[in-house]
Amino acid sequence: MKTPMQGLPFLYKRLAYVALNVTDINKSIAFYSGQLGLNVHVERQGEKVGLRCDQYAMSLVLYQEDVAGLRRVCFQVASTEDLQLAKAHFQSRSYECWDIPGTEIEFLNIAGGFRVHEPITGVTFEYIDCMVEPPKVLDQSLAKIQRLGHVVIRTNKLDEAWAVMNNDFGLLSSDFVVDKAVWARCYPNPFHHSFAMVKSDSPGLHHVNFMVSEIDDVGRARNRLINAGVDIVFGPGRHMPSGSVFLYFLDPDGMTAEFSFGMEEFPEENPREARMLENSAQTMDLWGGMPKPEFCKRGEIAGPEFNE
């Protein structure tokens, strides 16, 4: 088993942003800003818009498309050197890497970076070394979102996909559920998971998570969303793997989003071993809740973005 400081090809900093394709961008803007509390930082430019939930310029990017789903996942690495190491590493593993198009650089508020397509999951990953931190204070009157927490996908090739994400992408396992799921962190980021995969016959987006600062944000969101006619599909409850209190709900395209409070954090040195947890309903909710059938069922994974 690889140790954190020996054998990792490069170091991560955080999950930077998630890009989603949506079928009605105006409805999605209204939902993610008016119901969840993200701030529009980059006003709609044609068929795309950028929203933020923390000190950085971008946490969620929405693109108008015919089919809703996951467009790409962006990680910020620890340094410029790590960005160079990451690109060289992927190229050494025969992945095709392409630079982020110049037309996107200013929109994304980044200095540059590259993209790489992972064929088993179908996900396009983006790697950057920095992102603008705007001076404008966030409006957190609706919800005190702490950060973009994680993104989870569905895959019908869980074992093969995890082998790639571990060996080629350098993610570390935090927990497994028997023949069902793996939660992964991006070292040395301490959070239990920034990326996860769930076994499913229908590959696609599982959900996107936003971590809130207070447990009351979860309760207030539940009531606010119910009053707005938004479907709550799971929770409130508490996950066994991360210890998080959660609430899942559907966006205008039926894709699942999550508010969560609290998460286990791993030390850089001598972290605990990943656990193999029972595949049971109680593992997913220690409070005994059950998800609705619509939970985490919508959202296609888009193909690679060689040109924009």
Protein backbone atom coordinates (compact mmCIF):
# COMPACT_ATOMS: atom_id res chain seq x y z
CA MET A 1 0.00 0.00 0.00
CA LYS A 2 1.38 3.40 -0.94
CA THR A 3 2.13 5.82 1.86
CA PRO A 4 1.00 9.44 1.55
CA MET A 5 4.43 11.01 1.10
CA GLN A 6 5.96 8.18 -0.91
CA GLY A 7 4.69 7.37 -4.37
CA LEU A 8 2.10 10.08 -4.92
CA PRO A 9 2.77 11.72 -8.29
CA PHE A 10 1.71 15.22 -7.16
CA LEU A 11 -0.06 16.98 -4.31
CA TYR A 12 -3.57 18.36 -4.32
CA LYS A 13 -5.00 21.44 -2.61
CA ARG A 14 -8.77 21.13 -3.00
CA LEU A 15 -11.74 20.40 -5.19
CA ALA A 16 -11.98 23.76 -6.97
CA TYR A 17 -15.25 23.68 -8.90
CA VAL A 18 -17.76 21.44 -10.61
CA ALA A 19 -19.18 22.22 -14.06
CA LEU A 20 -22.73 21.10 -14.82
CA ASN A 21 -24.72 21.07 -18.03
CA VAL A 22 -28.27 22.31 -17.45
CA THR A 23 -31.25 22.52 -19.76
CA ASP A 24 -32.65 25.86 -18.54
CA ILE A 25 -29.81 28.02 -17.29
CA ASN A 26 -32.11 30.74 -15.94
CA LYS A 27 -34.00 28.26 -13.76
CA SER A 28 -30.73 26.75 -12.55
CA ILE A 29 -29.27 30.16 -11.68
CA ALA A 30 -32.43 30.97 -9.73
CA PHE A 31 -32.20 27.64 -7.89
CA TYR A 32 -28.52 27.62 -6.98
CA SER A 33 -28.47 31.30 -6.01
CA GLY A 34 -32.03 31.92 -4.80
CA GLN A 35 -32.56 28.63 -2.95
CA LEU A 36 -29.07 27.44 -2.00
CA GLY A 37 -27.35 30.79 -1.52
CA LEU A 38 -24.45 30.63 -3.99
CA ASN A 39 -23.39 34.04 -5.30
CA VAL A 40 -23.27 34.78 -9.02
CA HIS A 41 -19.70 36.02 -9.53
CA VAL A 42 -19.38 35.85 -13.31
CA GLU A 43 -22.61 37.06 -14.86
CA ARG A 44 -24.07 34.95 -17.63
CA GLN A 45 -21.80 35.03 -20.67
CA GLY A 46 -23.74 33.55 -23.55
CA GLU A 47 -24.53 30.01 -22.47
CA LYS A 48 -22.50 29.85 -19.25
CA VAL A 49 -22.39 31.41 -15.78
CA GLY A 50 -20.12 31.11 -12.73
CA LEU A 51 -21.20 30.97 -9.09
CA ARG A 52 -19.14 30.99 -5.90
CA CYS A 53 -19.69 29.84 -2.33
CA ASP A 54 -16.33 30.56 -0.69
CA GLN A 55 -13.37 32.93 -0.99
CA TYR A 56 -12.56 31.79 -4.51
CA ALA A 57 -14.13 33.14 -7.70
CA MET A 58 -15.74 29.91 -8.87
CA SER A 59 -17.39 26.95 -7.14
CA LEU A 60 -20.02 25.93 -9.67
CA VAL A 61 -20.16 26.57 -13.42
CA LEU A 62 -23.42 26.13 -15.32
CA TYR A 63 -23.57 25.58 -19.08
CA GLN A 64 -26.73 25.66 -21.17
CA GLU A 65 -27.01 22.35 -23.04
CA ASP A 66 -29.68 20.01 -24.35
CA VAL A 67 -28.79 17.23 -21.89
CA ALA A 68 -28.21 17.82 -18.16
CA GLY A 69 -25.25 16.28 -16.38
CA LEU A 70 -21.65 16.47 -15.26
CA ARG A 71 -19.44 18.43 -17.65
CA ARG A 72 -16.14 18.31 -15.75
CA VAL A 73 -14.49 18.27 -12.34
CA CYS A 74 -11.73 20.74 -11.46
CA PHE A 75 -9.02 20.19 -8.86
CA GLN A 76 -6.55 22.79 -7.68
CA VAL A 77 -3.11 21.34 -7.01
CA ALA A 78 -0.76 22.46 -4.27
CA SER A 79 1.63 24.54 -6.40
CA THR A 80 2.76 25.45 -9.92
CA GLU A 81 5.37 22.73 -9.62
CA ASP A 82 2.64 20.21 -8.81
CA LEU A 83 0.71 21.31 -11.90
CA GLN A 84 3.76 20.55 -14.04
CA LEU A 85 4.27 17.25 -12.24
CA ALA A 86 0.63 16.32 -12.75
CA LYS A 87 0.70 16.98 -16.49
CA ALA A 88 3.95 15.07 -16.96
CA HIS A 89 2.57 12.21 -14.87
CA PHE A 90 -0.62 11.86 -16.92
CA GLN A 91 1.32 12.04 -20.17
CA SER A 92 3.67 9.32 -18.89
CA ARG A 93 0.57 7.16 -18.33
CA SER A 94 -0.52 7.77 -21.96
CA TYR A 95 -3.36 10.13 -21.12
CA GLU A 96 -4.00 12.89 -23.62
CA CYS A 97 -3.75 16.26 -21.90
CA TRP A 98 -4.88 19.51 -23.47
CA ASP A 99 -4.51 23.06 -22.22
CA ILE A 100 -7.59 24.93 -21.06
CA PRO A 101 -8.69 27.06 -24.04
CA GLY A 102 -7.74 30.71 -23.86
CA THR A 103 -11.39 31.67 -24.27
CA GLU A 104 -12.11 30.00 -20.93
CA ILE A 105 -9.19 31.34 -18.86
CA GLU A 106 -10.66 34.76 -18.07
CA PHE A 107 -14.15 33.39 -17.53
CA LEU A 108 -12.89 30.81 -15.03
CA ASN A 109 -10.70 33.35 -13.16
CA ILE A 110 -7.63 31.14 -13.40
CA ALA A 111 -4.10 31.55 -14.76
CA GLY A 112 -4.22 28.35 -16.77
CA GLY A 113 -4.13 24.61 -16.47
CA PHE A 114 -4.97 21.47 -18.41
CA ARG A 115 -7.69 18.89 -18.86
CA VAL A 116 -7.53 15.12 -19.04
CA HIS A 117 -10.29 12.67 -19.91
CA GLU A 118 -10.59 9.46 -17.91
CA PRO A 119 -12.24 6.84 -20.18
CA ILE A 120 -13.50 4.32 -17.60
CA THR A 121 -15.60 6.83 -15.67
CA GLY A 122 -16.01 9.09 -18.70
CA VAL A 123 -15.20 12.14 -16.59
CA THR A 124 -13.16 15.08 -17.84
CA PHE A 125 -10.90 16.35 -15.06
CA GLU A 126 -9.32 19.78 -14.99
CA TYR A 127 -6.17 20.72 -13.08
CA ILE A 128 -5.21 24.27 -12.10
CA ASP A 129 -2.67 25.78 -9.72
CA CYS A 130 -4.47 28.96 -8.71
CA MET A 131 -7.80 30.77 -8.85
CA VAL A 132 -8.64 34.43 -8.26
CA GLU A 133 -9.86 35.37 -4.77
CA PRO A 134 -12.24 38.34 -5.24
CA PRO A 135 -12.34 41.20 -2.71
CA LYS A 136 -16.14 41.23 -2.66
CA VAL A 137 -17.54 39.71 0.51
CA LEU A 138 -19.92 36.82 -0.02
CA ASP A 139 -23.58 37.35 0.71
CA GLN A 140 -24.34 34.53 3.16
CA SER A 141 -27.70 35.82 4.31
CA LEU A 142 -29.47 32.77 2.87
CA ALA A 143 -27.01 30.05 3.87
CA LYS A 144 -23.54 29.98 5.38
CA ILE A 145 -21.92 27.68 2.82
CA GLN A 146 -18.37 26.87 3.84
CA ARG A 147 -17.11 25.34 0.61
CA LEU A 148 -17.84 23.10 -2.33
CA GLY A 149 -17.53 19.76 -0.60
CA HIS A 150 -17.42 16.90 -3.07
CA VAL A 151 -18.75 15.37 -6.25
CA VAL A 152 -19.87 11.76 -6.56
CA ILE A 153 -20.43 9.75 -9.73
CA ARG A 154 -22.19 6.50 -10.61
CA THR A 155 -20.15 3.86 -12.41
CA ASN A 156 -20.76 0.32 -13.62
CA LYS A 157 -17.03 -0.44 -13.35
CA LEU A 158 -16.30 0.40 -9.73
CA ASP A 159 -13.22 -1.76 -9.22
CA GLU A 160 -11.56 -0.70 -12.48
CA ALA A 161 -12.45 2.95 -11.93
CA TRP A 162 -11.06 2.97 -8.40
CA ALA A 163 -7.81 1.34 -9.53
CA VAL A 164 -7.37 4.19 -12.02
CA MET A 165 -8.30 6.96 -9.60
CA ASN A 166 -5.91 5.57 -7.00
CA ASN A 167 -2.97 4.57 -9.18
CA ASP A 168 -3.13 7.22 -11.92
CA PHE A 169 -4.89 10.16 -10.25
CA GLY A 170 -3.31 9.76 -6.81
CA LEU A 171 -6.51 9.79 -4.76
CA LEU A 172 -6.48 8.02 -1.40
CA SER A 173 -9.29 5.86 -0.06
CA SER A 174 -11.01 6.89 3.16
CA ASP A 175 -13.75 4.23 3.28
CA PHE A 176 -15.33 1.51 1.17
CA VAL A 177 -18.78 -0.05 1.23
CA VAL A 178 -18.73 -3.71 0.24
CA ASP A 179 -19.25 -3.97 -3.54
CA LYS A 180 -20.99 -0.59 -3.55
CA ALA A 181 -18.90 2.57 -3.05
CA VAL A 182 -15.53 4.19 -2.40
CA TRP A 183 -14.89 7.58 -0.82
CA ALA A 184 -11.60 9.27 -1.75
CA ARG A 185 -9.62 12.27 -0.53
CA CYS A 186 -7.09 14.37 -2.41
CA TYR A 187 -3.94 14.40 -0.26
CA PRO A 188 -2.99 16.43 1.71
CA ASN A 189 -6.48 17.96 1.83
CA PRO A 190 -7.82 16.56 5.12
CA PHE A 191 -11.50 16.09 4.31
CA HIS A 192 -12.84 12.54 4.27
CA HIS A 193 -13.72 12.80 0.60
CA SER A 194 -13.68 15.25 -2.27
CA PHE A 195 -14.55 12.61 -4.85
CA ALA A 196 -16.48 9.36 -4.56
CA MET A 197 -17.92 6.64 -6.74
CA VAL A 198 -21.02 4.47 -6.31
CA LYS A 199 -21.64 1.26 -8.22
CA SER A 200 -24.63 1.50 -10.54
CA ASP A 201 -25.96 -0.12 -13.70
CA SER A 202 -26.45 3.38 -15.14
CA PRO A 203 -23.26 5.51 -15.09
CA GLY A 204 -23.70 9.22 -14.51
CA LEU A 205 -23.65 11.98 -11.93
CA HIS A 206 -24.60 10.88 -8.41
CA HIS A 207 -24.61 14.27 -6.63
CA VAL A 208 -22.79 17.52 -5.91
CA ASN A 209 -22.23 18.57 -2.29
CA PHE A 210 -21.94 21.91 -0.53
CA MET A 211 -20.66 21.96 3.05
CA VAL A 212 -22.37 24.44 5.37
CA SER A 213 -20.98 26.11 8.46
CA GLU A 214 -23.83 25.43 10.88
CA ILE A 215 -26.15 22.47 11.40
CA ASP A 216 -28.98 25.00 11.44
CA ASP A 217 -28.25 25.66 7.75
CA VAL A 218 -29.35 22.10 7.04
CA GLY A 219 -32.62 22.54 8.90
CA ARG A 220 -33.35 25.93 7.42
CA ALA A 221 -32.60 24.63 3.94
CA ARG A 222 -35.05 21.77 4.40
CA ASN A 223 -37.90 24.09 5.28
CA ARG A 224 -36.96 26.69 2.66
CA LEU A 225 -36.80 24.09 -0.10
CA ILE A 226 -40.06 22.42 0.92
CA ASN A 227 -41.79 25.81 0.93
CA ALA A 228 -40.42 26.43 -2.58
CA GLY A 229 -41.73 23.09 -3.84
CA VAL A 230 -38.28 21.50 -4.20
CA ASP A 231 -38.19 17.71 -3.83
CA ILE A 232 -36.30 16.49 -0.75
CA VAL A 233 -35.10 12.99 -1.67
CA PHE A 234 -33.06 11.91 1.38
CA GLY A 235 -32.60 13.22 4.89
CA PRO A 236 -31.98 14.93 7.12
CA GLY A 237 -29.78 12.12 8.34
CA ARG A 238 -26.20 11.23 9.29
CA HIS A 239 -23.74 9.24 7.18
CA MET A 240 -21.61 6.61 8.89
CA PRO A 241 -18.60 6.96 6.55
CA SER A 242 -17.89 10.69 6.96
CA GLY A 243 -20.02 11.46 10.01
CA SER A 244 -21.75 14.25 8.09
CA VAL A 245 -25.31 15.41 8.72
CA PHE A 246 -26.91 15.53 5.27
CA LEU A 247 -29.86 16.72 3.22
CA TYR A 248 -30.34 15.77 -0.45
CA PHE A 249 -32.68 17.51 -2.87
CA LEU A 250 -33.28 17.87 -6.62
CA ASP A 251 -32.30 20.78 -8.82
CA PRO A 252 -34.51 21.93 -11.75
CA ASP A 253 -33.12 19.15 -13.99
CA GLY A 254 -33.71 16.46 -11.38
CA MET A 255 -30.00 16.21 -10.56
CA THR A 256 -29.23 15.67 -6.89
CA ALA A 257 -27.49 18.27 -4.74
CA GLU A 258 -26.58 18.02 -1.06
CA PHE A 259 -26.11 20.27 1.94
CA SER A 260 -24.00 18.71 4.67
CA PHE A 261 -22.58 19.75 8.01
CA GLY A 262 -19.43 18.30 9.55
CA MET A 263 -16.97 15.79 8.11
CA GLU A 264 -14.14 13.64 9.41
CA GLU A 265 -10.70 15.13 8.74
CA PHE A 266 -7.55 13.05 8.24
CA PRO A 267 -4.11 14.07 9.50
CA GLU A 268 -1.30 14.28 6.94
CA GLU A 269 0.78 11.78 8.87
CA ASN A 270 -0.38 8.39 10.15
CA PRO A 271 -4.01 8.55 9.02
CA ARG A 272 -6.32 5.70 9.93
CA GLU A 273 -6.75 2.89 7.43
CA ALA A 274 -9.74 2.93 5.11
CA ARG A 275 -12.60 0.88 6.53
CA MET A 276 -14.67 -1.74 4.71
CA LEU A 277 -18.23 -0.91 5.77
CA GLU A 278 -21.35 -3.02 5.54
CA ASN A 279 -23.57 -2.52 2.52
CA SER A 280 -26.69 -1.57 4.46
CA ALA A 281 -29.20 1.24 4.76
CA GLN A 282 -27.93 2.11 8.23
CA THR A 283 -24.41 2.68 6.92
CA MET A 284 -25.79 5.42 4.70
CA ASP A 285 -28.05 6.87 7.40
CA LEU A 286 -27.40 6.18 11.06
CA TRP A 287 -30.79 7.76 11.79
CA GLY A 288 -32.63 5.10 9.80
CA GLY A 289 -33.91 7.15 6.87
CA MET A 290 -34.38 5.86 3.35
CA PRO A 291 -33.91 7.75 0.08
CA LYS A 292 -36.72 8.29 -2.41
CA PRO A 293 -36.53 6.53 -5.79
CA GLU A 294 -35.45 9.79 -7.49
CA PHE A 295 -32.32 10.04 -5.31
CA CYS A 296 -29.16 10.46 -7.42
CA LYS A 297 -30.66 9.08 -10.61
CA ARG A 298 -30.32 12.01 -13.05
CA GLY A 299 -27.35 13.53 -14.84
CA GLU A 300 -25.31 12.26 -17.78
CA ILE A 301 -21.51 12.40 -17.89
CA ALA A 302 -20.49 14.54 -20.85
CA GLY A 303 -17.68 13.60 -23.19
CA PRO A 304 -14.22 15.21 -23.38
CA GLU A 305 -13.93 18.95 -24.09
CA PHE A 306 -11.12 19.24 -26.59
CA ASN A 307 -12.42 22.56 -27.90
CA GLU A 308 -14.87 25.14 -26.59
